[in-house]
N, C-alpha and C. Protein backbone atom coordinates (compact mmCIF):
# COMPACT_ATOMS: atom_id res chain seq x y z
N MET A 1 25.10 -4.62 -13.71
CA MET A 1 26.37 -4.64 -14.42
C MET A 1 27.23 -5.74 -13.96
N LEU A 2 27.81 -6.40 -15.04
CA LEU A 2 28.69 -7.55 -14.56
C LEU A 2 30.20 -6.85 -14.41
N PRO A 3 31.14 -7.43 -13.63
CA PRO A 3 32.42 -7.12 -13.28
C PRO A 3 33.13 -7.09 -14.60
N GLN A 4 32.88 -7.90 -15.49
CA GLN A 4 33.77 -7.98 -16.66
C GLN A 4 33.56 -6.85 -17.64
N SER A 5 32.24 -6.38 -17.67
CA SER A 5 31.86 -5.03 -18.54
C SER A 5 32.55 -3.86 -17.91
N ILE A 6 32.98 -3.73 -16.68
CA ILE A 6 33.54 -2.42 -16.45
C ILE A 6 35.01 -2.45 -16.89
N PRO A 7 35.25 -1.23 -17.61
CA PRO A 7 36.66 -1.13 -18.10
C PRO A 7 37.52 -1.04 -17.07
N LEU A 8 38.80 -1.53 -16.95
CA LEU A 8 39.91 -1.34 -16.05
C LEU A 8 40.81 -0.19 -16.55
N PRO A 9 41.33 0.54 -15.64
CA PRO A 9 42.17 1.78 -15.96
C PRO A 9 43.60 1.08 -16.47
N GLU A 10 44.16 1.58 -17.22
CA GLU A 10 45.45 1.27 -17.94
C GLU A 10 46.36 1.44 -16.91
N LEU A 11 47.33 0.68 -17.03
CA LEU A 11 48.54 0.85 -16.05
C LEU A 11 49.49 1.74 -16.71
N THR A 12 50.05 2.70 -15.80
CA THR A 12 51.16 3.62 -16.23
C THR A 12 52.24 2.78 -16.47
N PRO A 13 52.97 3.42 -17.29
CA PRO A 13 54.44 2.72 -17.62
C PRO A 13 55.29 2.57 -16.44
N GLY A 14 55.70 1.26 -16.25
CA GLY A 14 56.63 0.99 -15.36
C GLY A 14 55.98 0.52 -14.06
N ALA A 15 54.34 0.65 -14.20
CA ALA A 15 53.66 0.21 -12.83
C ALA A 15 53.37 -1.32 -13.03
N THR A 16 53.48 -2.01 -11.86
CA THR A 16 53.22 -3.50 -11.83
C THR A 16 52.20 -3.80 -10.81
N PRO A 17 51.07 -4.24 -11.06
CA PRO A 17 50.11 -4.58 -9.96
C PRO A 17 50.70 -5.60 -8.84
N THR A 18 50.21 -5.26 -7.61
CA THR A 18 50.72 -6.25 -6.42
C THR A 18 49.77 -7.36 -6.38
N PRO A 19 50.27 -8.48 -5.96
CA PRO A 19 49.03 -9.58 -5.92
C PRO A 19 48.03 -9.01 -4.79
N GLY A 20 46.60 -9.39 -5.39
CA GLY A 20 45.55 -8.95 -4.46
C GLY A 20 45.24 -7.62 -4.97
N GLN A 21 45.91 -6.92 -5.63
CA GLN A 21 45.48 -5.50 -6.16
C GLN A 21 45.17 -5.57 -7.60
N PRO A 22 43.94 -4.66 -7.75
CA PRO A 22 43.45 -4.86 -9.15
C PRO A 22 44.66 -4.00 -10.07
N PRO A 23 44.38 -4.59 -11.49
CA PRO A 23 45.31 -3.95 -12.33
C PRO A 23 45.02 -2.32 -12.28
N GLY A 24 46.03 -1.43 -12.43
CA GLY A 24 45.62 0.03 -12.48
C GLY A 24 46.18 0.79 -11.21
N GLY A 25 46.42 -0.17 -10.18
CA GLY A 25 46.86 0.70 -8.83
C GLY A 25 45.83 0.34 -7.92
N THR A 26 45.94 1.04 -6.84
CA THR A 26 45.12 0.95 -5.48
C THR A 26 43.59 1.71 -6.07
N PRO A 27 42.57 0.92 -5.82
CA PRO A 27 41.28 1.55 -6.10
C PRO A 27 41.05 2.66 -5.15
N PRO A 28 40.33 3.79 -5.60
CA PRO A 28 39.88 4.64 -4.63
C PRO A 28 39.15 4.49 -3.52
N ALA A 29 39.66 4.98 -2.50
CA ALA A 29 38.76 4.86 -1.20
C ALA A 29 37.21 5.15 -1.17
N LYS A 30 36.43 4.17 -0.53
CA LYS A 30 34.96 4.61 -0.64
C LYS A 30 34.75 5.44 0.43
N ALA A 31 33.77 6.56 0.35
CA ALA A 31 33.46 7.32 1.35
C ALA A 31 32.60 6.43 2.26
N PRO A 32 32.84 6.67 3.80
CA PRO A 32 31.87 5.90 4.72
C PRO A 32 30.42 6.24 4.23
N THR A 33 29.50 5.39 4.27
CA THR A 33 28.34 5.54 4.25
C THR A 33 27.84 5.74 5.86
N PRO A 34 27.00 6.84 5.89
CA PRO A 34 26.17 7.18 7.12
C PRO A 34 25.36 6.31 7.36
N PRO A 35 25.07 6.03 8.84
CA PRO A 35 23.91 5.02 9.01
C PRO A 35 22.75 5.89 8.87
N THR A 36 21.71 4.96 8.32
CA THR A 36 20.33 5.61 8.34
C THR A 36 19.51 5.58 9.38
N THR A 37 18.76 6.73 9.53
CA THR A 37 18.10 6.84 10.89
C THR A 37 16.44 6.84 10.34
N PRO A 38 15.82 5.69 10.92
CA PRO A 38 14.46 5.82 10.27
C PRO A 38 13.38 6.99 10.80
N GLN A 39 12.98 7.38 9.68
CA GLN A 39 12.05 8.70 9.99
C GLN A 39 10.59 8.41 10.42
N PRO A 40 10.09 9.29 11.08
CA PRO A 40 8.66 9.12 11.64
C PRO A 40 7.87 8.53 10.58
N GLY A 41 7.08 7.39 10.96
CA GLY A 41 6.05 6.78 10.13
C GLY A 41 6.76 5.91 9.13
N MET A 42 7.97 5.63 9.09
CA MET A 42 8.73 4.80 8.26
C MET A 42 9.06 3.53 8.77
N PRO A 43 9.03 2.35 7.93
CA PRO A 43 9.24 1.00 8.84
C PRO A 43 10.75 1.08 8.97
N PRO A 44 10.89 0.39 10.19
CA PRO A 44 12.40 0.15 10.64
C PRO A 44 13.29 -0.29 9.48
N SER A 45 14.54 -0.21 9.54
CA SER A 45 15.38 -0.65 8.53
C SER A 45 15.36 -2.28 8.67
N GLY A 46 15.26 -3.06 7.74
CA GLY A 46 15.38 -4.34 7.74
C GLY A 46 14.07 -5.27 7.36
N THR A 47 13.10 -4.46 7.32
CA THR A 47 11.76 -4.90 7.11
C THR A 47 11.56 -4.67 5.56
N SER A 48 10.83 -5.73 5.11
CA SER A 48 10.69 -5.69 3.79
C SER A 48 9.26 -5.20 3.49
N GLY A 49 9.03 -5.03 2.34
CA GLY A 49 7.66 -4.51 1.83
C GLY A 49 7.52 -3.15 1.74
N LEU A 50 6.34 -2.53 1.21
CA LEU A 50 6.16 -1.13 1.12
C LEU A 50 5.64 -0.50 2.33
N GLN A 51 5.80 0.63 2.33
CA GLN A 51 5.30 1.46 3.54
C GLN A 51 3.80 1.79 3.20
N THR A 52 3.20 1.37 4.21
CA THR A 52 1.56 1.53 3.97
C THR A 52 0.77 2.73 4.72
N GLU A 53 1.58 3.13 5.76
CA GLU A 53 1.01 4.31 6.49
C GLU A 53 2.17 5.06 6.89
N VAL A 54 1.65 6.43 7.02
CA VAL A 54 2.64 7.49 7.70
C VAL A 54 1.43 8.30 8.87
N GLU A 55 2.21 8.40 10.02
CA GLU A 55 1.22 9.12 10.97
C GLU A 55 2.26 10.09 11.34
N LEU A 56 2.09 11.38 11.56
CA LEU A 56 3.00 12.45 12.20
C LEU A 56 2.00 13.07 13.06
N THR A 57 2.99 13.89 14.04
CA THR A 57 2.12 14.59 15.00
C THR A 57 3.27 15.77 15.35
N PHE A 58 2.66 17.09 15.26
CA PHE A 58 3.75 18.01 15.48
C PHE A 58 2.88 19.20 15.78
N ASN A 59 3.38 19.95 16.78
CA ASN A 59 3.12 21.49 17.08
C ASN A 59 3.41 22.40 16.26
N ALA A 60 2.46 23.32 15.80
CA ALA A 60 2.96 24.50 14.88
C ALA A 60 2.16 25.88 15.39
N ASN A 61 2.79 26.94 14.96
CA ASN A 61 2.39 28.03 14.94
C ASN A 61 1.70 28.45 13.63
N ARG A 62 1.18 29.52 13.42
CA ARG A 62 0.48 29.88 12.16
C ARG A 62 1.43 29.88 11.14
N ASN A 63 2.72 30.25 11.17
CA ASN A 63 3.55 30.35 9.90
C ASN A 63 4.10 29.11 9.81
N GLN A 64 4.29 28.22 10.79
CA GLN A 64 4.75 26.79 10.75
C GLN A 64 3.69 25.90 9.91
N LEU A 65 2.36 26.21 10.36
CA LEU A 65 1.52 25.62 9.76
C LEU A 65 1.32 25.75 8.14
N PHE A 66 1.49 26.92 7.65
CA PHE A 66 1.30 27.11 6.35
C PHE A 66 2.68 26.42 5.58
N THR A 67 3.81 26.29 6.29
CA THR A 67 4.98 25.75 5.66
C THR A 67 4.66 24.06 5.91
N ALA A 68 3.95 23.64 6.71
CA ALA A 68 3.77 22.32 6.92
C ALA A 68 2.55 21.88 5.90
N TRP A 69 1.77 22.78 5.60
CA TRP A 69 0.48 22.23 4.78
C TRP A 69 1.24 21.90 3.48
N ASN A 70 2.12 22.38 2.94
CA ASN A 70 2.74 22.09 1.72
C ASN A 70 3.28 20.35 1.84
N ALA A 71 3.82 20.12 2.66
CA ALA A 71 4.16 18.80 2.88
C ALA A 71 3.10 17.67 3.16
N VAL A 72 2.15 18.31 4.01
CA VAL A 72 0.65 17.39 4.01
C VAL A 72 0.24 17.20 2.39
N ALA A 73 0.07 18.16 1.68
CA ALA A 73 -0.38 18.13 0.46
C ALA A 73 0.36 17.23 -0.49
N ASN A 74 1.64 17.25 -0.46
CA ASN A 74 2.51 16.29 -0.89
C ASN A 74 2.36 14.94 -0.60
N LEU A 75 1.99 14.63 0.74
CA LEU A 75 1.38 13.23 1.36
C LEU A 75 0.20 12.82 0.61
N ALA A 76 -0.79 14.01 0.47
CA ALA A 76 -2.20 13.70 -0.17
C ALA A 76 -1.95 13.20 -1.53
N ASP A 77 -1.12 13.89 -2.49
CA ASP A 77 -0.77 13.41 -3.84
C ASP A 77 -0.37 11.77 -3.71
N LEU A 78 0.66 11.50 -2.59
CA LEU A 78 1.19 10.23 -2.80
C LEU A 78 0.07 9.21 -2.51
N ALA A 79 -0.68 9.58 -1.41
CA ALA A 79 -1.59 8.60 -0.73
C ALA A 79 -3.08 8.80 -1.36
N GLY A 80 -3.23 9.48 -1.94
CA GLY A 80 -4.65 9.86 -2.44
C GLY A 80 -5.50 10.62 -1.62
N LYS A 81 -5.25 10.38 -0.39
CA LYS A 81 -6.18 11.15 0.66
C LYS A 81 -5.31 11.08 2.11
N VAL A 82 -5.43 12.19 2.86
CA VAL A 82 -5.04 12.19 4.13
C VAL A 82 -6.24 12.34 4.98
N LYS A 83 -5.85 11.93 6.17
CA LYS A 83 -6.91 12.20 7.27
C LYS A 83 -6.27 13.19 8.33
N VAL A 84 -6.87 14.35 8.49
CA VAL A 84 -6.46 15.63 9.24
C VAL A 84 -7.04 15.58 10.51
N THR A 85 -6.28 15.50 11.61
CA THR A 85 -6.87 15.81 13.19
C THR A 85 -6.34 17.08 13.64
N VAL A 86 -7.21 18.09 14.06
CA VAL A 86 -6.53 19.19 14.52
C VAL A 86 -6.93 19.50 15.86
N LYS A 87 -6.11 19.91 16.75
CA LYS A 87 -6.32 19.99 18.31
C LYS A 87 -5.85 21.30 18.68
N ALA A 88 -6.69 22.26 19.17
CA ALA A 88 -6.30 23.49 19.82
C ALA A 88 -6.55 23.72 21.15
N GLU A 89 -5.66 24.28 21.92
CA GLU A 89 -5.85 24.53 23.33
C GLU A 89 -5.68 25.90 23.80
N LYS A 90 -6.30 26.45 24.49
CA LYS A 90 -5.74 27.79 24.92
C LYS A 90 -6.35 28.04 26.47
N ALA A 91 -5.53 28.20 27.47
CA ALA A 91 -5.80 28.18 28.98
C ALA A 91 -6.99 29.09 29.19
N ASP A 92 -6.94 30.29 28.79
CA ASP A 92 -7.96 31.21 29.09
C ASP A 92 -9.26 31.10 27.87
N GLY A 93 -9.41 29.95 27.32
CA GLY A 93 -10.36 29.72 26.38
C GLY A 93 -10.32 30.58 25.09
N LEU A 94 -11.17 30.09 24.19
CA LEU A 94 -11.26 30.53 22.85
C LEU A 94 -12.48 31.16 22.59
N ASP A 95 -12.58 32.21 21.78
CA ASP A 95 -13.83 32.80 21.69
C ASP A 95 -14.72 31.85 20.58
N LYS A 96 -15.90 31.76 21.12
CA LYS A 96 -16.74 30.75 20.45
C LYS A 96 -17.20 31.15 18.93
N SER A 97 -17.52 32.59 18.81
CA SER A 97 -18.10 33.13 17.86
C SER A 97 -16.84 33.08 16.67
N LYS A 98 -15.50 33.46 16.95
CA LYS A 98 -14.44 33.39 16.30
C LYS A 98 -13.92 31.83 15.58
N VAL A 99 -14.35 31.01 16.64
CA VAL A 99 -14.18 29.36 16.20
C VAL A 99 -15.04 29.09 15.14
N GLN A 100 -16.32 29.55 15.48
CA GLN A 100 -17.54 29.16 14.75
C GLN A 100 -17.38 29.71 13.25
N ASN A 101 -17.12 31.19 13.23
CA ASN A 101 -16.95 31.91 11.90
C ASN A 101 -15.66 31.89 11.26
N GLY A 102 -14.71 31.57 11.85
CA GLY A 102 -13.44 31.56 11.24
C GLY A 102 -12.91 30.18 10.96
N VAL A 103 -13.45 29.16 11.72
CA VAL A 103 -13.04 27.53 11.58
C VAL A 103 -14.12 26.80 11.12
N ILE A 104 -15.05 26.59 11.75
CA ILE A 104 -15.98 25.81 11.57
C ILE A 104 -16.80 25.94 10.15
N GLU A 105 -17.45 27.18 10.15
CA GLU A 105 -18.09 27.45 8.90
C GLU A 105 -17.22 27.36 7.61
N PRO A 106 -16.07 27.82 7.62
CA PRO A 106 -15.11 27.64 6.40
C PRO A 106 -15.14 26.18 6.11
N LEU A 107 -14.91 25.39 7.07
CA LEU A 107 -14.60 23.66 6.99
C LEU A 107 -15.93 23.36 6.29
N ARG A 108 -16.97 23.53 7.03
CA ARG A 108 -18.30 23.10 6.35
C ARG A 108 -18.47 23.48 4.81
N GLU A 109 -18.24 24.67 4.48
CA GLU A 109 -18.58 25.29 3.25
C GLU A 109 -17.67 24.40 2.38
N ALA A 110 -16.69 24.02 2.74
CA ALA A 110 -15.71 23.30 1.97
C ALA A 110 -16.08 21.58 1.92
N ASP A 111 -17.11 21.50 2.47
CA ASP A 111 -17.54 20.08 2.83
C ASP A 111 -16.49 19.10 3.25
N LEU A 112 -15.62 19.79 4.07
CA LEU A 112 -14.62 18.68 5.07
C LEU A 112 -15.09 18.45 6.14
N ILE A 113 -16.27 19.05 6.79
CA ILE A 113 -16.85 18.63 8.08
C ILE A 113 -18.45 18.75 7.83
N GLU A 114 -19.26 18.10 8.56
CA GLU A 114 -20.55 18.13 8.70
C GLU A 114 -21.02 19.13 9.58
C-alpha cells in the first residue's frame, strides 16, 4: 500500500498541525514488538530461505505422549512423512513379553517396523 493511498484523518476545527507532525494530530503510539525467540528446529532469525528440517526431543509420560502425538501428526501432514525414534529405559528392566506383545507386534502389524 502506498502512503498516498492511506486516507488521512480530518483535522478537528481549530487544530493546526505542528511542523513534523502529520495532519490530524499525534499518530497513535505503536505497541512495542516483543523480541522473537527461535523455536526448536527453526532457523535462527536473520537467515533466509525455508526451514527444511525439524528435530525435536522430549520426555513424555503416557498422557503427554497422546497430546504430543497430534503435534507430530501435524508435522507429518506438513512434511509428508516423519521419522520417529523411541527410547524407553527402566532401571529394574522391562518385561520382554509385554514389550514384544504390546509394542513390537503392533508396530510390525502396522508395517512400521520389520
